Amino acid sequence: MKRLLPFAILAVVLAAAVALQSLQGRHSTGYEAADFELPDLAGRLHRLSELRGKVVFLNLWATWCPPCIAEMPSIEALHRRFAGSDLVVLAVSEDADGEKSVRPIVERLGLSFPILLDPQGALSPRYGVTGYPETFVIGRDGRVLEHFIGPTDWVSPERINYFDALLRQPAGPAASGQ
């Protein structure tokens, strides 16, 4: 019995962590998205507040996270599907060594959307991230509309319909800064 106790404790802790992540994902919408300014791999700065009036797909990930890497081709397909629209796709790498780890993955996968670098991991606590990957859909008004925990098929019919409908909604006065 004593040998099973550590496994039982681990199982309870893991179950609690999964339940907490699930609850956070369901209830963490409707708030003003935390502004940030982060560089991409070319050194160009991207600031969330400058994207008001657009729909922002914000993915937080890390190269050491297999589900994150597995999800990237789907994000690339979403980016290409909505190229030229008001959907801005951003992925923020939380890797401590920044470009050194990120660039080889980006090149290997042929990613064309902006990959931002946050080697200090400053953004994830501001969004309440508990694991990777986590994705936030931010509306034209700068508020978090959806929070997805874990990898997702971003080009499934359900997701494509979701983004199509979201992008058909006009930008209101608050979203356009008027």
C-alpha atoms as a PDB file:
ATOM      1  CA  MET A   1       0.000   0.000   0.000  1.00  0.00           C
ATOM      2  CA  LYS A   2       2.835   2.419   0.821  1.00  0.00           C
ATOM      3  CA  ARG A   3       4.237   1.939  -2.688  1.00  0.00           C
ATOM      4  CA  LEU A   4       0.982   3.076  -4.277  1.00  0.00           C
ATOM      5  CA  LEU A   5       0.626   6.234  -2.187  1.00  0.00           C
ATOM      6  CA  PRO A   6       3.019   8.398  -4.277  1.00  0.00           C
ATOM      7  CA  PHE A   7       1.213   7.342  -7.462  1.00  0.00           C
ATOM      8  CA  ALA A   8      -2.164   8.102  -5.935  1.00  0.00           C
ATOM      9  CA  ILE A   9      -0.985  11.550  -4.842  1.00  0.00           C
ATOM     10  CA  LEU A  10       0.444  12.230  -8.300  1.00  0.00           C
ATOM     11  CA  ALA A  11      -2.837  11.162  -9.932  1.00  0.00           C
ATOM     12  CA  VAL A  12      -4.841  13.505  -7.694  1.00  0.00           C
ATOM     13  CA  VAL A  13      -2.479  16.426  -8.380  1.00  0.00           C
ATOM     14  CA  LEU A  14      -2.604  15.833 -12.128  1.00  0.00           C
ATOM     15  CA  ALA A  15      -6.393  15.567 -12.106  1.00  0.00           C
ATOM     16  CA  ALA A  16      -6.637  18.824 -10.158  1.00  0.00           C
ATOM     17  CA  ALA A  17      -4.285  20.571 -12.599  1.00  0.00           C
ATOM     18  CA  VAL A  18      -6.308  19.410 -15.608  1.00  0.00           C
ATOM     19  CA  ALA A  19      -9.556  20.504 -13.951  1.00  0.00           C
ATOM     20  CA  LEU A  20      -8.091  23.916 -13.094  1.00  0.00           C
ATOM     21  CA  GLN A  21      -6.885  24.444 -16.668  1.00  0.00           C
ATOM     22  CA  SER A  22     -10.282  23.503 -18.008  1.00  0.00           C
ATOM     23  CA  LEU A  23     -12.068  25.921 -15.672  1.00  0.00           C
ATOM     24  CA  GLN A  24      -9.667  28.736 -16.481  1.00  0.00           C
ATOM     25  CA  GLY A  25     -10.207  28.232 -20.197  1.00  0.00           C
ATOM     26  CA  ARG A  26     -13.970  28.372 -19.857  1.00  0.00           C
ATOM     27  CA  HIS A  27     -14.152  31.460 -17.683  1.00  0.00           C
ATOM     28  CA  SER A  28     -11.269  33.602 -18.817  1.00  0.00           C
ATOM     29  CA  THR A  29     -12.932  35.641 -21.552  1.00  0.00           C
ATOM     30  CA  GLY A  30     -14.500  39.061 -21.844  1.00  0.00           C
ATOM     31  CA  TYR A  31     -11.641  40.966 -20.232  1.00  0.00           C
ATOM     32  CA  GLU A  32      -9.363  43.550 -21.820  1.00  0.00           C
ATOM     33  CA  ALA A  33      -6.374  41.767 -23.367  1.00  0.00           C
ATOM     34  CA  ALA A  34      -3.077  42.756 -21.752  1.00  0.00           C
ATOM     35  CA  ASP A  35      -1.096  45.000 -24.057  1.00  0.00           C
ATOM     36  CA  PHE A  36       2.436  44.015 -24.973  1.00  0.00           C
ATOM     37  CA  GLU A  37       5.288  44.970 -27.235  1.00  0.00           C
ATOM     38  CA  LEU A  38       7.525  42.109 -28.356  1.00  0.00           C
ATOM     39  CA  PRO A  39      10.046  41.633 -31.164  1.00  0.00           C
ATOM     40  CA  ASP A  40       9.694  39.081 -33.936  1.00  0.00           C
ATOM     41  CA  LEU A  41      12.597  37.061 -35.342  1.00  0.00           C
ATOM     42  CA  ALA A  42      13.599  39.990 -37.584  1.00  0.00           C
ATOM     43  CA  GLY A  43      13.666  42.380 -34.595  1.00  0.00           C
ATOM     44  CA  ARG A  44      10.493  44.207 -35.650  1.00  0.00           C
ATOM     45  CA  LEU A  45       8.357  45.214 -32.654  1.00  0.00           C
ATOM     46  CA  HIS A  46       4.698  44.202 -32.510  1.00  0.00           C
ATOM     47  CA  ARG A  47       2.344  45.965 -30.116  1.00  0.00           C
ATOM     48  CA  LEU A  48      -1.102  44.517 -29.444  1.00  0.00           C
ATOM     49  CA  SER A  49      -2.755  47.918 -28.957  1.00  0.00           C
ATOM     50  CA  GLU A  50      -1.775  48.867 -32.526  1.00  0.00           C
ATOM     51  CA  LEU A  51      -3.986  46.054 -33.820  1.00  0.00           C
ATOM     52  CA  ARG A  52      -7.290  47.502 -32.553  1.00  0.00           C
ATOM     53  CA  GLY A  53      -9.976  47.060 -35.174  1.00  0.00           C
ATOM     54  CA  LYS A  54      -8.563  43.683 -36.188  1.00  0.00           C
ATOM     55  CA  VAL A  55      -9.196  40.204 -34.825  1.00  0.00           C
ATOM     56  CA  VAL A  56      -6.043  38.831 -33.212  1.00  0.00           C
ATOM     57  CA  PHE A  57      -5.162  35.156 -32.891  1.00  0.00           C
ATOM     58  CA  LEU A  58      -2.560  35.028 -30.095  1.00  0.00           C
ATOM     59  CA  ASN A  59      -0.847  31.692 -29.461  1.00  0.00           C
ATOM     60  CA  LEU A  60       1.613  31.202 -26.581  1.00  0.00           C
ATOM     61  CA  TRP A  61       3.934  28.244 -27.088  1.00  0.00           C
ATOM     62  CA  ALA A  62       7.447  26.862 -26.590  1.00  0.00           C
ATOM     63  CA  THR A  63       9.770  24.762 -28.732  1.00  0.00           C
ATOM     64  CA  TRP A  64      10.179  22.138 -25.985  1.00  0.00           C
ATOM     65  CA  CYS A  65       6.415  21.475 -26.078  1.00  0.00           C
ATOM     66  CA  PRO A  66       5.554  18.660 -28.548  1.00  0.00           C
ATOM     67  CA  PRO A  67       1.827  19.597 -28.783  1.00  0.00           C
ATOM     68  CA  CYS A  68       2.875  23.175 -29.592  1.00  0.00           C
ATOM     69  CA  ILE A  69       5.063  22.029 -32.476  1.00  0.00           C
ATOM     70  CA  ALA A  70       2.364  19.657 -33.715  1.00  0.00           C
ATOM     71  CA  GLU A  71      -0.153  22.546 -33.756  1.00  0.00           C
ATOM     72  CA  MET A  72       2.030  24.943 -35.765  1.00  0.00           C
ATOM     73  CA  PRO A  73       1.177  23.629 -39.275  1.00  0.00           C
ATOM     74  CA  SER A  74      -2.512  24.109 -38.459  1.00  0.00           C
ATOM     75  CA  ILE A  75      -1.847  27.707 -37.367  1.00  0.00           C
ATOM     76  CA  GLU A  76       0.100  28.276 -40.591  1.00  0.00           C
ATOM     77  CA  ALA A  77      -2.854  26.932 -42.603  1.00  0.00           C
ATOM     78  CA  LEU A  78      -5.213  29.277 -40.723  1.00  0.00           C
ATOM     79  CA  HIS A  79      -2.882  32.207 -41.409  1.00  0.00           C
ATOM     80  CA  ARG A  80      -2.779  31.396 -45.127  1.00  0.00           C
ATOM     81  CA  ARG A  81      -6.547  30.796 -45.289  1.00  0.00           C
ATOM     82  CA  PHE A  82      -7.290  34.269 -43.918  1.00  0.00           C
ATOM     83  CA  ALA A  83      -4.386  36.158 -45.506  1.00  0.00           C
ATOM     84  CA  GLY A  84      -5.511  39.625 -46.536  1.00  0.00           C
ATOM     85  CA  SER A  85      -8.363  39.677 -44.022  1.00  0.00           C
ATOM     86  CA  ASP A  86      -8.628  41.415 -40.661  1.00  0.00           C
ATOM     87  CA  LEU A  87      -7.295  38.321 -38.866  1.00  0.00           C
ATOM     88  CA  VAL A  88      -3.787  38.830 -37.459  1.00  0.00           C
ATOM     89  CA  VAL A  89      -2.016  35.640 -36.414  1.00  0.00           C
ATOM     90  CA  LEU A  90       0.721  35.990 -33.791  1.00  0.00           C
ATOM     91  CA  ALA A  91       2.583  33.268 -31.924  1.00  0.00           C
ATOM     92  CA  VAL A  92       4.664  34.151 -28.879  1.00  0.00           C
ATOM     93  CA  SER A  93       7.545  31.847 -28.038  1.00  0.00           C
ATOM     94  CA  GLU A  94       8.229  31.609 -24.319  1.00  0.00           C
ATOM     95  CA  ASP A  95      11.612  29.917 -24.844  1.00  0.00           C
ATOM     96  CA  ALA A  96      14.301  31.254 -22.498  1.00  0.00           C
ATOM     97  CA  ASP A  97      16.986  31.157 -25.194  1.00  0.00           C
ATOM     98  CA  GLY A  98      14.744  32.937 -27.693  1.00  0.00           C
ATOM     99  CA  GLU A  99      15.794  32.964 -31.329  1.00  0.00           C
ATOM    100  CA  LYS A 100      18.357  30.187 -30.874  1.00  0.00           C
ATOM    101  CA  SER A 101      15.603  27.614 -30.266  1.00  0.00           C
ATOM    102  CA  VAL A 102      12.844  29.221 -32.284  1.00  0.00           C
ATOM    103  CA  ARG A 103      14.414  29.980 -35.664  1.00  0.00           C
ATOM    104  CA  PRO A 104      15.215  26.325 -36.563  1.00  0.00           C
ATOM    105  CA  ILE A 105      11.600  25.283 -35.855  1.00  0.00           C
ATOM    106  CA  VAL A 106      10.187  28.192 -37.859  1.00  0.00           C
ATOM    107  CA  GLU A 107      12.434  27.374 -40.810  1.00  0.00           C
ATOM    108  CA  ARG A 108      11.787  23.626 -40.649  1.00  0.00           C
ATOM    109  CA  LEU A 109       8.004  24.122 -40.578  1.00  0.00           C
ATOM    110  CA  GLY A 110       7.995  26.985 -43.102  1.00  0.00           C
ATOM    111  CA  LEU A 111       6.027  29.315 -40.832  1.00  0.00           C
ATOM    112  CA  SER A 112       5.175  32.674 -42.396  1.00  0.00           C
ATOM    113  CA  PHE A 113       3.180  34.362 -39.625  1.00  0.00           C
ATOM    114  CA  PRO A 114       4.971  36.545 -37.042  1.00  0.00           C
ATOM    115  CA  ILE A 115       6.707  34.616 -34.285  1.00  0.00           C
ATOM    116  CA  LEU A 116       7.348  36.918 -31.345  1.00  0.00           C
ATOM    117  CA  LEU A 117       9.993  36.332 -28.698  1.00  0.00           C
ATOM    118  CA  ASP A 118       9.331  36.557 -24.962  1.00  0.00           C
ATOM    119  CA  PRO A 119      12.416  34.894 -23.419  1.00  0.00           C
ATOM    120  CA  GLN A 120      11.603  36.291 -19.953  1.00  0.00           C
ATOM    121  CA  GLY A 121       8.134  34.702 -20.083  1.00  0.00           C
ATOM    122  CA  ALA A 122       6.554  38.006 -19.063  1.00  0.00           C
ATOM    123  CA  LEU A 123       3.394  37.618 -21.158  1.00  0.00           C
ATOM    124  CA  SER A 124       2.080  34.249 -19.971  1.00  0.00           C
ATOM    125  CA  PRO A 125       1.294  35.323 -16.374  1.00  0.00           C
ATOM    126  CA  ARG A 126      -0.472  38.436 -17.684  1.00  0.00           C
ATOM    127  CA  TYR A 127      -2.863  36.146 -19.563  1.00  0.00           C
ATOM    128  CA  GLY A 128      -3.123  33.514 -16.835  1.00  0.00           C
ATOM    129  CA  VAL A 129      -1.431  30.835 -18.919  1.00  0.00           C
ATOM    130  CA  THR A 130      -1.033  27.566 -17.040  1.00  0.00           C
ATOM    131  CA  GLY A 131       0.554  25.473 -19.793  1.00  0.00           C
ATOM    132  CA  TYR A 132       1.371  25.395 -23.466  1.00  0.00           C
ATOM    133  CA  PRO A 133      -0.015  25.834 -25.998  1.00  0.00           C
ATOM    134  CA  GLU A 134      -2.722  28.309 -25.103  1.00  0.00           C
ATOM    135  CA  THR A 135      -4.476  30.508 -27.636  1.00  0.00           C
ATOM    136  CA  PHE A 136      -6.481  33.677 -27.182  1.00  0.00           C
ATOM    137  CA  VAL A 137      -8.806  35.171 -29.771  1.00  0.00           C
ATOM    138  CA  ILE A 138      -8.947  38.909 -29.230  1.00  0.00           C
ATOM    139  CA  GLY A 139     -11.798  40.900 -30.736  1.00  0.00           C
ATOM    140  CA  ARG A 140     -11.613  44.142 -32.659  1.00  0.00           C
ATOM    141  CA  ASP A 141     -12.291  45.993 -29.397  1.00  0.00           C
ATOM    142  CA  GLY A 142      -9.263  44.478 -27.639  1.00  0.00           C
ATOM    143  CA  ARG A 143     -11.242  42.092 -25.435  1.00  0.00           C
ATOM    144  CA  VAL A 144     -10.543  38.363 -25.141  1.00  0.00           C
ATOM    145  CA  LEU A 145     -13.333  36.510 -26.939  1.00  0.00           C
ATOM    146  CA  GLU A 146     -12.076  32.938 -26.621  1.00  0.00           C
ATOM    147  CA  HIS A 147      -9.380  31.104 -24.699  1.00  0.00           C
ATOM    148  CA  PHE A 148      -8.276  27.694 -25.935  1.00  0.00           C
ATOM    149  CA  ILE A 149      -6.114  25.413 -23.814  1.00  0.00           C
ATOM    150  CA  GLY A 150      -4.128  22.767 -25.618  1.00  0.00           C
ATOM    151  CA  PRO A 151      -3.548  22.113 -29.300  1.00  0.00           C
ATOM    152  CA  THR A 152      -6.410  22.623 -31.723  1.00  0.00           C
ATOM    153  CA  ASP A 153      -7.076  21.908 -35.383  1.00  0.00           C
ATOM    154  CA  TRP A 154      -7.386  25.527 -36.479  1.00  0.00           C
ATOM    155  CA  VAL A 155      -8.587  24.667 -39.971  1.00  0.00           C
ATOM    156  CA  SER A 156     -11.378  22.292 -38.988  1.00  0.00           C
ATOM    157  CA  PRO A 157     -14.747  23.298 -40.497  1.00  0.00           C
ATOM    158  CA  GLU A 158     -15.914  24.407 -37.043  1.00  0.00           C
ATOM    159  CA  ARG A 159     -12.930  26.755 -36.555  1.00  0.00           C
ATOM    160  CA  ILE A 160     -13.073  28.122 -40.115  1.00  0.00           C
ATOM    161  CA  ASN A 161     -16.787  28.886 -39.660  1.00  0.00           C
ATOM    162  CA  TYR A 162     -16.010  30.560 -36.327  1.00  0.00           C
ATOM    163  CA  PHE A 163     -13.402  32.883 -37.846  1.00  0.00           C
ATOM    164  CA  ASP A 164     -15.523  33.547 -40.954  1.00  0.00           C
ATOM    165  CA  ALA A 165     -18.416  34.673 -38.730  1.00  0.00           C
ATOM    166  CA  LEU A 166     -16.145  36.716 -36.492  1.00  0.00           C
ATOM    167  CA  LEU A 167     -14.569  38.522 -39.428  1.00  0.00           C
ATOM    168  CA  ARG A 168     -17.966  39.332 -40.955  1.00  0.00           C
ATOM    169  CA  GLN A 169     -18.830  41.374 -37.858  1.00  0.00           C
ATOM    170  CA  PRO A 170     -18.048  45.038 -38.549  1.00  0.00           C
ATOM    171  CA  ALA A 171     -15.683  47.009 -36.393  1.00  0.00           C
ATOM    172  CA  GLY A 172     -17.677  49.266 -34.070  1.00  0.00           C
ATOM    173  CA  PRO A 173     -16.696  52.723 -32.793  1.00  0.00           C
ATOM    174  CA  ALA A 174     -14.916  51.250 -29.749  1.00  0.00           C
ATOM    175  CA  ALA A 175     -12.897  48.869 -31.916  1.00  0.00           C
ATOM    176  CA  SER A 176     -11.763  51.510 -34.353  1.00  0.00           C
ATOM    177  CA  GLY A 177     -10.730  53.884 -31.571  1.00  0.00           C
ATOM    178  CA  GLN A 178     -13.338  56.540 -32.433  1.00  0.00           C
END
